Amino acid sequence: MAEQRVLITGAAGVVGTLMRPRLRREGRVLRLLDLAPQPAAEPGEAVELVTGSVTDPAVMAEACAGVDALIHLGGHSRENSWAEIAEVNINGTQTVLEAARAAGVPRVVLASSNHSVGFRTVQEATETGGLPADSSPRPDTYYGVGKAVIESLGSLYHSRFGMDVVCVRIGSCFERPPGVRGLSTWLSPDDGARLFEACLGAPSPGYRLIWGVSANTRRIYSLTEAEALGYKALDDAEQFAEELLASAPAPGPDAGYVGGPFCSAPLGEPNPI
């Protein structure tokens, strides 16, 4: 059986670093691309390290050669200036998709974010039994705008060229939830790997928008769409609730929005996502 080669952009970032050991499989080669240095391959680890930018067409053309699937995590992972978001997150994603199209890559998984719908309300999410994954964009930052645009780019490349594109609106993928808001947005690293495996393995998904969160007790996001691809979340942020709530500040005036404090944070200034 032929090896499966999966290209991961932004492989040295937070999510890429967490996924590298979790997406290892016999018969699979991980091609890991980032501008930042990456750890050398461990004994027996089937990886190919590529240094370069998602904004460079030549780098991306070479990186996409012979690839069976692409997980695009590259780009700024937090708020930044409009110029940086436009150049790296938006133009960079178009460069990635165009290279994938030219190379005949049949499947692309795009990392979107909850911040593409940050101005959706918690009440709306509660009333619908979980905010649908295909809710129309209401971004809370330039970063969120960039994510909304890449979802549209993914739709375009599917509709024009027949590429399978799955956009994952990631909540917050860390070893532990980043604060009280993370009790609803957390995507555990292990669930993250389960989710990406579902995205890679689902037969002919076409174009999909799905939420990337764990089975959190306080979850306000629908998992129906991700489960339709075969995702089964096993983790719950509630194990961290007592500790996080004990030291939590009083809710701010924007606590009623899905994006929480990012709805009032200064535009264009880096803030933790």
C-alpha atoms as a PDB file:
ATOM      1  CA  MET A   1       0.000   0.000   0.000  1.00  0.00           C
ATOM      2  CA  ALA A   2       1.365   3.433  -0.973  1.00  0.00           C
ATOM      3  CA  GLU A   3       2.394   5.861   1.731  1.00  0.00           C
ATOM      4  CA  GLN A   4       0.068   8.726   2.526  1.00  0.00           C
ATOM      5  CA  ARG A   5       1.856  12.075   2.531  1.00  0.00           C
ATOM      6  CA  VAL A   6       0.201  14.838   4.568  1.00  0.00           C
ATOM      7  CA  LEU A   7       1.518  18.390   4.385  1.00  0.00           C
ATOM      8  CA  ILE A   8       1.036  20.491   7.524  1.00  0.00           C
ATOM      9  CA  THR A   9       1.728  24.218   7.252  1.00  0.00           C
ATOM     10  CA  GLY A  10       2.469  26.183  10.408  1.00  0.00           C
ATOM     11  CA  ALA A  11       3.875  22.967  11.840  1.00  0.00           C
ATOM     12  CA  ALA A  12       6.023  24.757  14.439  1.00  0.00           C
ATOM     13  CA  GLY A  13       3.048  26.643  15.897  1.00  0.00           C
ATOM     14  CA  VAL A  14       1.023  25.670  18.945  1.00  0.00           C
ATOM     15  CA  VAL A  15      -1.477  23.417  17.167  1.00  0.00           C
ATOM     16  CA  GLY A  16       1.083  22.028  14.728  1.00  0.00           C
ATOM     17  CA  THR A  17       3.426  21.099  17.562  1.00  0.00           C
ATOM     18  CA  LEU A  18       0.603  19.341  19.406  1.00  0.00           C
ATOM     19  CA  MET A  19      -0.514  17.462  16.304  1.00  0.00           C
ATOM     20  CA  ARG A  20       2.915  16.268  15.108  1.00  0.00           C
ATOM     21  CA  PRO A  21       3.199  13.297  17.491  1.00  0.00           C
ATOM     22  CA  ARG A  22      -0.542  12.623  17.461  1.00  0.00           C
ATOM     23  CA  LEU A  23      -0.917  12.360  13.681  1.00  0.00           C
ATOM     24  CA  ARG A  24       1.926   9.878  13.226  1.00  0.00           C
ATOM     25  CA  ARG A  25       0.708   6.697  11.590  1.00  0.00           C
ATOM     26  CA  GLU A  26       2.378   3.715   9.996  1.00  0.00           C
ATOM     27  CA  GLY A  27       2.274   4.275   6.273  1.00  0.00           C
ATOM     28  CA  ARG A  28       2.017   8.054   6.650  1.00  0.00           C
ATOM     29  CA  VAL A  29       4.681  10.687   6.036  1.00  0.00           C
ATOM     30  CA  LEU A  30       4.189  14.110   7.610  1.00  0.00           C
ATOM     31  CA  ARG A  31       5.673  16.932   5.552  1.00  0.00           C
ATOM     32  CA  LEU A  32       6.053  19.776   8.049  1.00  0.00           C
ATOM     33  CA  LEU A  33       6.397  23.351   6.803  1.00  0.00           C
ATOM     34  CA  ASP A  34       7.183  26.458   8.828  1.00  0.00           C
ATOM     35  CA  LEU A  35       9.418  29.513   8.778  1.00  0.00           C
ATOM     36  CA  ALA A  36      10.509  28.749  12.341  1.00  0.00           C
ATOM     37  CA  PRO A  37      13.030  26.025  13.191  1.00  0.00           C
ATOM     38  CA  GLN A  38      11.581  22.584  13.834  1.00  0.00           C
ATOM     39  CA  PRO A  39      12.924  19.664  15.877  1.00  0.00           C
ATOM     40  CA  ALA A  40      14.747  17.054  13.833  1.00  0.00           C
ATOM     41  CA  ALA A  41      13.010  13.766  13.167  1.00  0.00           C
ATOM     42  CA  GLU A  42      13.089  11.300  16.031  1.00  0.00           C
ATOM     43  CA  PRO A  43      14.239   7.732  15.347  1.00  0.00           C
ATOM     44  CA  GLY A  44      11.588   6.016  13.276  1.00  0.00           C
ATOM     45  CA  GLU A  45       9.589   9.212  12.766  1.00  0.00           C
ATOM     46  CA  ALA A  46       8.524   9.613   9.129  1.00  0.00           C
ATOM     47  CA  VAL A  47       8.710  13.354   8.633  1.00  0.00           C
ATOM     48  CA  GLU A  48      10.003  15.721   5.983  1.00  0.00           C
ATOM     49  CA  LEU A  49      10.938  19.173   7.265  1.00  0.00           C
ATOM     50  CA  VAL A  50      10.437  22.171   4.994  1.00  0.00           C
ATOM     51  CA  THR A  51      11.507  25.726   5.836  1.00  0.00           C
ATOM     52  CA  GLY A  52       9.552  28.439   4.084  1.00  0.00           C
ATOM     53  CA  SER A  53       6.582  30.783   4.072  1.00  0.00           C
ATOM     54  CA  VAL A  54       3.000  30.110   3.039  1.00  0.00           C
ATOM     55  CA  THR A  55       3.164  33.412   1.159  1.00  0.00           C
ATOM     56  CA  ASP A  56       5.884  32.130  -1.207  1.00  0.00           C
ATOM     57  CA  PRO A  57       4.394  30.475  -4.326  1.00  0.00           C
ATOM     58  CA  ALA A  58       7.624  28.630  -5.201  1.00  0.00           C
ATOM     59  CA  VAL A  59       7.961  27.203  -1.688  1.00  0.00           C
ATOM     60  CA  MET A  60       4.342  26.100  -1.651  1.00  0.00           C
ATOM     61  CA  ALA A  61       4.519  24.572  -5.129  1.00  0.00           C
ATOM     62  CA  GLU A  62       7.444  22.410  -4.050  1.00  0.00           C
ATOM     63  CA  ALA A  63       5.843  21.577  -0.707  1.00  0.00           C
ATOM     64  CA  CYS A  64       2.601  20.399  -2.356  1.00  0.00           C
ATOM     65  CA  ALA A  65       4.304  18.061  -4.829  1.00  0.00           C
ATOM     66  CA  GLY A  66       3.263  14.467  -4.226  1.00  0.00           C
ATOM     67  CA  VAL A  67       0.954  15.353  -1.335  1.00  0.00           C
ATOM     68  CA  ASP A  68      -2.265  13.418  -0.630  1.00  0.00           C
ATOM     69  CA  ALA A  69      -3.774  15.885   1.843  1.00  0.00           C
ATOM     70  CA  LEU A  70      -2.950  19.264   3.348  1.00  0.00           C
ATOM     71  CA  ILE A  71      -3.687  20.654   6.814  1.00  0.00           C
ATOM     72  CA  HIS A  72      -3.246  24.427   6.655  1.00  0.00           C
ATOM     73  CA  LEU A  73      -2.410  25.817  10.088  1.00  0.00           C
ATOM     74  CA  GLY A  74       0.027  28.461   8.837  1.00  0.00           C
ATOM     75  CA  GLY A  75      -0.387  32.195   9.411  1.00  0.00           C
ATOM     76  CA  HIS A  76      -0.720  34.555  12.336  1.00  0.00           C
ATOM     77  CA  SER A  77      -2.492  32.755  15.178  1.00  0.00           C
ATOM     78  CA  ARG A  78      -3.580  35.903  17.006  1.00  0.00           C
ATOM     79  CA  GLU A  79      -4.699  39.442  16.257  1.00  0.00           C
ATOM     80  CA  ASN A  80      -2.300  41.520  14.204  1.00  0.00           C
ATOM     81  CA  SER A  81      -2.294  44.577  11.959  1.00  0.00           C
ATOM     82  CA  TRP A  82      -4.607  44.569   8.970  1.00  0.00           C
ATOM     83  CA  ALA A  83      -1.617  44.542   6.623  1.00  0.00           C
ATOM     84  CA  GLU A  84      -0.176  41.423   8.288  1.00  0.00           C
ATOM     85  CA  ILE A  85      -3.513  39.594   8.406  1.00  0.00           C
ATOM     86  CA  ALA A  86      -4.175  40.425   4.748  1.00  0.00           C
ATOM     87  CA  GLU A  87      -0.717  39.393   3.545  1.00  0.00           C
ATOM     88  CA  VAL A  88      -0.089  36.279   5.621  1.00  0.00           C
ATOM     89  CA  ASN A  89      -3.476  34.855   6.567  1.00  0.00           C
ATOM     90  CA  ILE A  90      -5.537  35.821   3.510  1.00  0.00           C
ATOM     91  CA  ASN A  91      -3.028  36.061   0.636  1.00  0.00           C
ATOM     92  CA  GLY A  92      -1.018  33.228   2.165  1.00  0.00           C
ATOM     93  CA  THR A  93      -4.051  30.939   2.209  1.00  0.00           C
ATOM     94  CA  GLN A  94      -4.815  31.742  -1.423  1.00  0.00           C
ATOM     95  CA  THR A  95      -1.194  30.896  -2.266  1.00  0.00           C
ATOM     96  CA  VAL A  96      -1.537  27.590  -0.412  1.00  0.00           C
ATOM     97  CA  LEU A  97      -4.813  26.687  -2.119  1.00  0.00           C
ATOM     98  CA  GLU A  98      -3.500  27.595  -5.558  1.00  0.00           C
ATOM     99  CA  ALA A  99      -0.387  25.481  -5.042  1.00  0.00           C
ATOM    100  CA  ALA A 100      -2.561  22.599  -3.851  1.00  0.00           C
ATOM    101  CA  ARG A 101      -4.823  22.950  -6.883  1.00  0.00           C
ATOM    102  CA  ALA A 102      -1.903  23.012  -9.300  1.00  0.00           C
ATOM    103  CA  ALA A 103      -0.360  19.944  -7.639  1.00  0.00           C
ATOM    104  CA  GLY A 104      -3.628  18.019  -7.688  1.00  0.00           C
ATOM    105  CA  VAL A 105      -3.933  17.762  -3.902  1.00  0.00           C
ATOM    106  CA  PRO A 106      -7.441  16.311  -3.475  1.00  0.00           C
ATOM    107  CA  ARG A 107      -8.135  17.339   0.120  1.00  0.00           C
ATOM    108  CA  VAL A 108      -7.391  20.444   2.183  1.00  0.00           C
ATOM    109  CA  VAL A 109      -8.245  21.089   5.829  1.00  0.00           C
ATOM    110  CA  LEU A 110      -8.251  24.800   6.664  1.00  0.00           C
ATOM    111  CA  ALA A 111      -7.849  25.993  10.255  1.00  0.00           C
ATOM    112  CA  SER A 112     -10.516  28.619  10.829  1.00  0.00           C
ATOM    113  CA  SER A 113     -11.504  29.977  14.237  1.00  0.00           C
ATOM    114  CA  ASN A 114     -14.350  30.768  16.593  1.00  0.00           C
ATOM    115  CA  HIS A 115     -13.335  34.399  16.048  1.00  0.00           C
ATOM    116  CA  SER A 116     -14.876  34.307  12.579  1.00  0.00           C
ATOM    117  CA  VAL A 117     -18.231  34.380  14.409  1.00  0.00           C
ATOM    118  CA  GLY A 118     -17.151  36.176  17.582  1.00  0.00           C
ATOM    119  CA  PHE A 119     -20.062  38.636  17.545  1.00  0.00           C
ATOM    120  CA  ARG A 120     -22.629  35.846  17.522  1.00  0.00           C
ATOM    121  CA  THR A 121     -24.321  35.799  20.924  1.00  0.00           C
ATOM    122  CA  VAL A 122     -24.185  33.152  23.598  1.00  0.00           C
ATOM    123  CA  GLN A 123     -27.979  33.434  23.836  1.00  0.00           C
ATOM    124  CA  GLU A 124     -28.280  32.592  20.137  1.00  0.00           C
ATOM    125  CA  ALA A 125     -25.982  29.609  20.611  1.00  0.00           C
ATOM    126  CA  THR A 126     -27.989  28.404  23.601  1.00  0.00           C
ATOM    127  CA  GLU A 127     -31.346  28.812  21.858  1.00  0.00           C
ATOM    128  CA  THR A 128     -30.191  26.751  18.883  1.00  0.00           C
ATOM    129  CA  GLY A 129     -28.847  23.970  21.089  1.00  0.00           C
ATOM    130  CA  GLY A 130     -25.332  24.754  19.919  1.00  0.00           C
ATOM    131  CA  LEU A 131     -24.248  27.360  17.392  1.00  0.00           C
ATOM    132  CA  PRO A 132     -24.373  25.706  13.962  1.00  0.00           C
ATOM    133  CA  ALA A 133     -20.987  25.254  12.360  1.00  0.00           C
ATOM    134  CA  ASP A 134     -22.111  27.019   9.185  1.00  0.00           C
ATOM    135  CA  SER A 135     -23.345  30.154  10.957  1.00  0.00           C
ATOM    136  CA  SER A 136     -22.585  33.151   8.769  1.00  0.00           C
ATOM    137  CA  PRO A 137     -19.550  35.210   9.790  1.00  0.00           C
ATOM    138  CA  ARG A 138     -19.666  37.884  12.491  1.00  0.00           C
ATOM    139  CA  PRO A 139     -15.913  38.363  13.111  1.00  0.00           C
ATOM    140  CA  ASP A 140     -14.629  40.043  16.252  1.00  0.00           C
ATOM    141  CA  THR A 141     -11.106  41.046  15.100  1.00  0.00           C
ATOM    142  CA  TYR A 142      -9.028  41.475  11.955  1.00  0.00           C
ATOM    143  CA  TYR A 143      -7.867  37.940  12.731  1.00  0.00           C
ATOM    144  CA  GLY A 144     -11.509  36.818  12.663  1.00  0.00           C
ATOM    145  CA  VAL A 145     -12.070  38.600   9.354  1.00  0.00           C
ATOM    146  CA  GLY A 146      -9.078  36.735   7.927  1.00  0.00           C
ATOM    147  CA  LYS A 147     -10.549  33.424   9.033  1.00  0.00           C
ATOM    148  CA  ALA A 148     -13.923  34.275   7.500  1.00  0.00           C
ATOM    149  CA  VAL A 149     -12.173  35.060   4.216  1.00  0.00           C
ATOM    150  CA  ILE A 150     -10.254  31.785   4.147  1.00  0.00           C
ATOM    151  CA  GLU A 151     -13.536  29.925   4.642  1.00  0.00           C
ATOM    152  CA  SER A 152     -14.797  31.674   1.501  1.00  0.00           C
ATOM    153  CA  LEU A 153     -11.598  30.825  -0.341  1.00  0.00           C
ATOM    154  CA  GLY A 154     -12.075  27.189   0.604  1.00  0.00           C
ATOM    155  CA  SER A 155     -15.626  27.307  -0.732  1.00  0.00           C
ATOM    156  CA  LEU A 156     -14.400  28.846  -3.982  1.00  0.00           C
ATOM    157  CA  TYR A 157     -11.690  26.241  -4.530  1.00  0.00           C
ATOM    158  CA  HIS A 158     -14.166  23.444  -3.876  1.00  0.00           C
ATOM    159  CA  SER A 159     -16.826  24.859  -6.189  1.00  0.00           C
ATOM    160  CA  ARG A 160     -14.431  25.803  -8.987  1.00  0.00           C
ATOM    161  CA  PHE A 161     -12.039  22.876  -8.880  1.00  0.00           C
ATOM    162  CA  GLY A 162     -13.774  20.037  -7.015  1.00  0.00           C
ATOM    163  CA  MET A 163     -11.247  20.014  -4.167  1.00  0.00           C
ATOM    164  CA  ASP A 164     -12.518  18.558  -0.880  1.00  0.00           C
ATOM    165  CA  VAL A 165     -12.184  21.382   1.656  1.00  0.00           C
ATOM    166  CA  VAL A 166     -13.035  21.121   5.348  1.00  0.00           C
ATOM    167  CA  CYS A 167     -12.877  24.358   7.361  1.00  0.00           C
ATOM    168  CA  VAL A 168     -12.460  23.762  11.089  1.00  0.00           C
ATOM    169  CA  ARG A 169     -13.606  26.601  13.327  1.00  0.00           C
ATOM    170  CA  ILE A 170     -11.203  25.835  16.156  1.00  0.00           C
ATOM    171  CA  GLY A 171     -12.138  26.975  19.647  1.00  0.00           C
ATOM    172  CA  SER A 172      -8.903  26.900  21.639  1.00  0.00           C
ATOM    173  CA  CYS A 173      -6.496  23.989  21.216  1.00  0.00           C
ATOM    174  CA  PHE A 174      -4.069  23.853  24.115  1.00  0.00           C
ATOM    175  CA  GLU A 175      -3.032  21.287  26.710  1.00  0.00           C
ATOM    176  CA  ARG A 176      -5.549  22.907  29.079  1.00  0.00           C
ATOM    177  CA  PRO A 177      -8.296  25.527  28.667  1.00  0.00           C
ATOM    178  CA  PRO A 178      -6.998  29.129  28.596  1.00  0.00           C
ATOM    179  CA  GLY A 179      -9.265  30.611  31.243  1.00  0.00           C
ATOM    180  CA  VAL A 180     -12.968  30.396  32.023  1.00  0.00           C
ATOM    181  CA  ARG A 181     -14.055  31.051  28.442  1.00  0.00           C
ATOM    182  CA  GLY A 182     -12.044  27.980  27.494  1.00  0.00           C
ATOM    183  CA  LEU A 183     -14.497  25.810  29.423  1.00  0.00           C
ATOM    184  CA  SER A 184     -16.736  26.101  26.365  1.00  0.00           C
ATOM    185  CA  THR A 185     -14.151  26.579  23.581  1.00  0.00           C
ATOM    186  CA  TRP A 186     -11.512  23.990  24.517  1.00  0.00           C
ATOM    187  CA  LEU A 187     -10.339  21.450  21.964  1.00  0.00           C
ATOM    188  CA  SER A 188      -8.068  19.000  23.732  1.00  0.00           C
ATOM    189  CA  PRO A 189      -4.968  17.983  21.758  1.00  0.00           C
ATOM    190  CA  ASP A 190      -6.158  14.371  21.651  1.00  0.00           C
ATOM    191  CA  ASP A 191      -9.591  15.412  20.388  1.00  0.00           C
ATOM    192  CA  GLY A 192      -7.834  17.703  17.929  1.00  0.00           C
ATOM    193  CA  ALA A 193      -6.029  14.713  16.460  1.00  0.00           C
ATOM    194  CA  ARG A 194      -9.285  12.745  16.349  1.00  0.00           C
ATOM    195  CA  LEU A 195     -10.910  15.634  14.524  1.00  0.00           C
ATOM    196  CA  PHE A 196      -8.136  15.996  11.947  1.00  0.00           C
ATOM    197  CA  GLU A 197      -8.182  12.245  11.356  1.00  0.00           C
ATOM    198  CA  ALA A 198     -11.911  12.483  10.669  1.00  0.00           C
ATOM    199  CA  CYS A 199     -11.284  15.336   8.228  1.00  0.00           C
ATOM    200  CA  LEU A 200      -8.609  13.318   6.443  1.00  0.00           C
ATOM    201  CA  GLY A 201     -10.563  10.088   6.325  1.00  0.00           C
ATOM    202  CA  ALA A 202     -14.158  11.067   5.588  1.00  0.00           C
ATOM    203  CA  PRO A 203     -15.171   9.918   2.102  1.00  0.00           C
ATOM    204  CA  SER A 204     -15.883  12.789  -0.314  1.00  0.00           C
ATOM    205  CA  PRO A 205     -16.816  15.508   2.206  1.00  0.00           C
ATOM    206  CA  GLY A 206     -17.048  18.221  -0.461  1.00  0.00           C
ATOM    207  CA  TYR A 207     -17.048  21.608   1.276  1.00  0.00           C
ATOM    208  CA  ARG A 208     -17.769  21.573   5.001  1.00  0.00           C
ATOM    209  CA  LEU A 209     -17.681  23.972   7.923  1.00  0.00           C
ATOM    210  CA  ILE A 210     -17.307  22.231  11.283  1.00  0.00           C
ATOM    211  CA  TRP A 211     -16.568  23.216  14.854  1.00  0.00           C
ATOM    212  CA  GLY A 212     -13.301  22.140  16.449  1.00  0.00           C
ATOM    213  CA  VAL A 213     -14.160  21.713  20.121  1.00  0.00           C
ATOM    214  CA  SER A 214     -14.238  18.908  22.668  1.00  0.00           C
ATOM    215  CA  ALA A 215     -17.348  17.447  24.297  1.00  0.00           C
ATOM    216  CA  ASN A 216     -17.334  20.188  26.919  1.00  0.00           C
ATOM    217  CA  THR A 217     -20.135  20.326  29.473  1.00  0.00           C
ATOM    218  CA  ARG A 218     -20.366  24.099  28.850  1.00  0.00           C
ATOM    219  CA  ARG A 219     -20.051  23.818  25.081  1.00  0.00           C
ATOM    220  CA  ILE A 220     -22.152  26.291  23.079  1.00  0.00           C
ATOM    221  CA  TYR A 221     -21.105  24.953  19.661  1.00  0.00           C
ATOM    222  CA  SER A 222     -22.745  22.235  17.603  1.00  0.00           C
ATOM    223  CA  LEU A 223     -20.775  19.029  17.095  1.00  0.00           C
ATOM    224  CA  THR A 224     -23.347  17.581  14.707  1.00  0.00           C
ATOM    225  CA  GLU A 225     -21.436  18.645  11.598  1.00  0.00           C
ATOM    226  CA  ALA A 226     -18.092  17.278  12.808  1.00  0.00           C
ATOM    227  CA  GLU A 227     -19.703  14.032  13.969  1.00  0.00           C
ATOM    228  CA  ALA A 228     -21.114  13.583  10.461  1.00  0.00           C
ATOM    229  CA  LEU A 229     -17.504  13.262   9.285  1.00  0.00           C
ATOM    230  CA  GLY A 230     -16.787  10.595  11.908  1.00  0.00           C
ATOM    231  CA  TYR A 231     -15.460  12.753  14.759  1.00  0.00           C
ATOM    232  CA  LYS A 232     -16.012  11.453  18.275  1.00  0.00           C
ATOM    233  CA  ALA A 233     -14.974  13.850  21.030  1.00  0.00           C
ATOM    234  CA  LEU A 234     -13.890  12.156  24.246  1.00  0.00           C
ATOM    235  CA  ASP A 235     -12.588  14.988  26.425  1.00  0.00           C
ATOM    236  CA  ASP A 236     -14.329  17.636  28.543  1.00  0.00           C
ATOM    237  CA  ALA A 237     -12.908  20.901  29.893  1.00  0.00           C
ATOM    238  CA  GLU A 238     -15.077  20.568  32.999  1.00  0.00           C
ATOM    239  CA  GLN A 239     -12.220  18.785  34.787  1.00  0.00           C
ATOM    240  CA  PHE A 240     -10.539  22.228  34.982  1.00  0.00           C
ATOM    241  CA  ALA A 241     -13.667  24.165  36.011  1.00  0.00           C
ATOM    242  CA  GLU A 242     -13.165  24.361  39.769  1.00  0.00           C
ATOM    243  CA  GLU A 243      -9.607  25.626  39.442  1.00  0.00           C
ATOM    244  CA  LEU A 244     -10.389  28.150  36.701  1.00  0.00           C
ATOM    245  CA  LEU A 245     -13.536  29.517  38.307  1.00  0.00           C
ATOM    246  CA  ALA A 246     -11.805  30.019  41.657  1.00  0.00           C
ATOM    247  CA  SER A 247      -9.473  32.640  40.212  1.00  0.00           C
ATOM    248  CA  ALA A 248     -11.701  34.053  37.481  1.00  0.00           C
ATOM    249  CA  PRO A 249     -12.315  37.803  37.225  1.00  0.00           C
ATOM    250  CA  ALA A 250     -15.875  39.098  37.019  1.00  0.00           C
ATOM    251  CA  PRO A 251     -17.418  38.688  33.545  1.00  0.00           C
ATOM    252  CA  GLY A 252     -16.886  41.698  31.303  1.00  0.00           C
ATOM    253  CA  PRO A 253     -19.575  43.588  29.347  1.00  0.00           C
ATOM    254  CA  ASP A 254     -18.924  41.454  26.262  1.00  0.00           C
ATOM    255  CA  ALA A 255     -19.373  38.097  28.013  1.00  0.00           C
ATOM    256  CA  GLY A 256     -22.620  37.667  26.090  1.00  0.00           C
ATOM    257  CA  TYR A 257     -20.755  37.297  22.824  1.00  0.00           C
ATOM    258  CA  VAL A 258     -19.171  34.096  21.560  1.00  0.00           C
ATOM    259  CA  GLY A 259     -15.869  35.962  21.144  1.00  0.00           C
ATOM    260  CA  GLY A 260     -15.931  37.255  24.729  1.00  0.00           C
ATOM    261  CA  PRO A 261     -13.239  39.856  25.485  1.00  0.00           C
ATOM    262  CA  PHE A 262     -11.942  39.743  21.914  1.00  0.00           C
ATOM    263  CA  CYS A 263     -15.056  41.701  20.924  1.00  0.00           C
ATOM    264  CA  SER A 264     -13.705  44.766  22.733  1.00  0.00           C
ATOM    265  CA  ALA A 265      -9.936  44.231  22.491  1.00  0.00           C
ATOM    266  CA  PRO A 266      -8.124  46.878  20.407  1.00  0.00           C
ATOM    267  CA  LEU A 267      -8.128  46.054  16.710  1.00  0.00           C
ATOM    268  CA  GLY A 268      -4.740  45.331  15.217  1.00  0.00           C
ATOM    269  CA  GLU A 269      -2.977  44.764  18.526  1.00  0.00           C
ATOM    270  CA  PRO A 270      -1.754  41.245  19.384  1.00  0.00           C
ATOM    271  CA  ASN A 271      -3.782  39.477  22.051  1.00  0.00           C
ATOM    272  CA  PRO A 272      -3.867  35.842  23.131  1.00  0.00           C
ATOM    273  CA  ILE A 273      -6.377  33.757  21.177  1.00  0.00           C
END
